[in-house]
C-alpha atoms as a PDB file:
ATOM      1  CA  MET A   1      -0.114  -0.170   0.199  1.00  0.00           C
ATOM      2  CA  THR A   2       1.354   3.077  -0.782  1.00  0.00           C
ATOM      3  CA  GLU A   3       0.892   6.198   0.906  1.00  0.00           C
ATOM      4  CA  LYS A   4      -0.288   9.414  -0.806  1.00  0.00           C
ATOM      5  CA  GLN A   5       2.148  12.134  -1.238  1.00  0.00           C
ATOM      6  CA  ASN A   6       1.216  15.170   0.747  1.00  0.00           C
ATOM      7  CA  TRP A   7       4.583  17.600  -0.572  1.00  0.00           C
ATOM      8  CA  LYS A   8       5.578  18.752  -3.930  1.00  0.00           C
ATOM      9  CA  LEU A   9       9.159  20.137  -4.465  1.00  0.00           C
ATOM     10  CA  GLN A  10       9.878  24.056  -5.675  1.00  0.00           C
ATOM     11  CA  PRO A  11      10.122  24.800  -9.012  1.00  0.00           C
ATOM     12  CA  GLY A  12      13.967  23.469 -10.012  1.00  0.00           C
ATOM     13  CA  ILE A  13      14.513  21.415  -6.726  1.00  0.00           C
ATOM     14  CA  GLU A  14      16.091  17.928  -7.904  1.00  0.00           C
ATOM     15  CA  MET A  15      16.241  15.277  -5.747  1.00  0.00           C
ATOM     16  CA  SER A  16      15.411  11.159  -5.963  1.00  0.00           C
ATOM     17  CA  GLY A  17      11.825  10.370  -4.684  1.00  0.00           C
ATOM     18  CA  ALA A  18      13.635   8.676  -1.526  1.00  0.00           C
ATOM     19  CA  VAL A  19      15.542  11.570  -0.524  1.00  0.00           C
ATOM     20  CA  ALA A  20      12.240  13.779  -0.959  1.00  0.00           C
ATOM     21  CA  GLU A  21      10.496  11.794   1.080  1.00  0.00           C
ATOM     22  CA  ASP A  22      12.875  11.544   3.903  1.00  0.00           C
ATOM     23  CA  VAL A  23      13.114  14.937   4.082  1.00  0.00           C
ATOM     24  CA  ALA A  24       9.589  15.846   3.450  1.00  0.00           C
ATOM     25  CA  LYS A  25       9.406  13.710   6.998  1.00  0.00           C
ATOM     26  CA  VAL A  26      11.878  15.731   8.418  1.00  0.00           C
ATOM     27  CA  SER A  27      10.085  18.738   7.247  1.00  0.00           C
ATOM     28  CA  CYS A  28       6.742  17.627   8.878  1.00  0.00           C
ATOM     29  CA  ALA A  29       8.781  16.948  12.359  1.00  0.00           C
ATOM     30  CA  LEU A  30       9.767  20.586  12.166  1.00  0.00           C
ATOM     31  CA  LYS A  31       6.432  21.916  11.286  1.00  0.00           C
ATOM     32  CA  SER A  32       5.315  19.881  14.158  1.00  0.00           C
ATOM     33  CA  LEU A  33       7.909  21.627  16.111  1.00  0.00           C
ATOM     34  CA  SER A  34       7.290  25.332  15.296  1.00  0.00           C
ATOM     35  CA  ALA A  35       3.676  24.601  16.008  1.00  0.00           C
ATOM     36  CA  PHE A  36       4.624  23.117  19.486  1.00  0.00           C
ATOM     37  CA  THR A  37       7.087  26.349  19.810  1.00  0.00           C
ATOM     38  CA  THR A  38       4.064  28.687  18.933  1.00  0.00           C
ATOM     39  CA  PHE A  39       2.095  26.945  21.776  1.00  0.00           C
ATOM     40  CA  ILE A  40       4.919  27.365  24.214  1.00  0.00           C
ATOM     41  CA  ILE A  41       5.633  30.799  23.093  1.00  0.00           C
ATOM     42  CA  GLU A  42       1.931  32.227  24.259  1.00  0.00           C
ATOM     43  CA  ARG A  43       2.298  30.289  27.449  1.00  0.00           C
ATOM     44  CA  GLU A  44       5.445  31.286  29.147  1.00  0.00           C
ATOM     45  CA  ASP A  45       9.165  32.300  27.717  1.00  0.00           C
ATOM     46  CA  CYS A  46      10.581  30.323  25.107  1.00  0.00           C
ATOM     47  CA  PRO A  47      14.082  30.085  24.957  1.00  0.00           C
ATOM     48  CA  GLU A  48      15.792  32.579  22.261  1.00  0.00           C
ATOM     49  CA  ASP A  49      17.723  30.034  20.759  1.00  0.00           C
ATOM     50  CA  LEU A  50      15.052  27.481  20.097  1.00  0.00           C
ATOM     51  CA  LYS A  51      12.607  29.843  18.564  1.00  0.00           C
ATOM     52  CA  LYS A  52      15.752  31.029  15.576  1.00  0.00           C
ATOM     53  CA  ILE A  53      16.645  27.352  15.237  1.00  0.00           C
ATOM     54  CA  VAL A  54      12.945  26.590  14.180  1.00  0.00           C
ATOM     55  CA  GLU A  55      12.401  29.536  12.448  1.00  0.00           C
ATOM     56  CA  GLU A  56      15.558  28.925  10.577  1.00  0.00           C
ATOM     57  CA  GLY A  57      14.459  25.188   9.725  1.00  0.00           C
ATOM     58  CA  LEU A  58      11.417  26.247   8.169  1.00  0.00           C
ATOM     59  CA  GLU A  59      12.663  28.835   6.254  1.00  0.00           C
ATOM     60  CA  ALA A  60      15.902  26.366   4.711  1.00  0.00           C
ATOM     61  CA  MET A  61      12.514  23.571   4.053  1.00  0.00           C
ATOM     62  CA  SER A  62      10.237  26.347   2.126  1.00  0.00           C
ATOM     63  CA  ARG A  63      13.116  26.839  -0.140  1.00  0.00           C
ATOM     64  CA  ILE A  64      12.526  23.311  -1.138  1.00  0.00           C
ATOM     65  CA  TYR A  65       9.024  22.501  -0.845  1.00  0.00           C
ATOM     66  CA  VAL A  66       5.789  24.486  -1.366  1.00  0.00           C
ATOM     67  CA  TRP A  67       3.384  24.311   1.533  1.00  0.00           C
END
């Protein structure tokens, strides 16, 4: 059984399907971390370094994938 692909590469990005699938999994995890970080920021102080790491990761993923 094949899972439905829920991501699309940005124009001009080339990588094998297996690599793209693995990177997409990392990207999904990063987006989840971003949602969690946003929740934490609303509830208490979030370490600035964590916020910066999440933001940089999301920017990097947006250069690879269309959300």
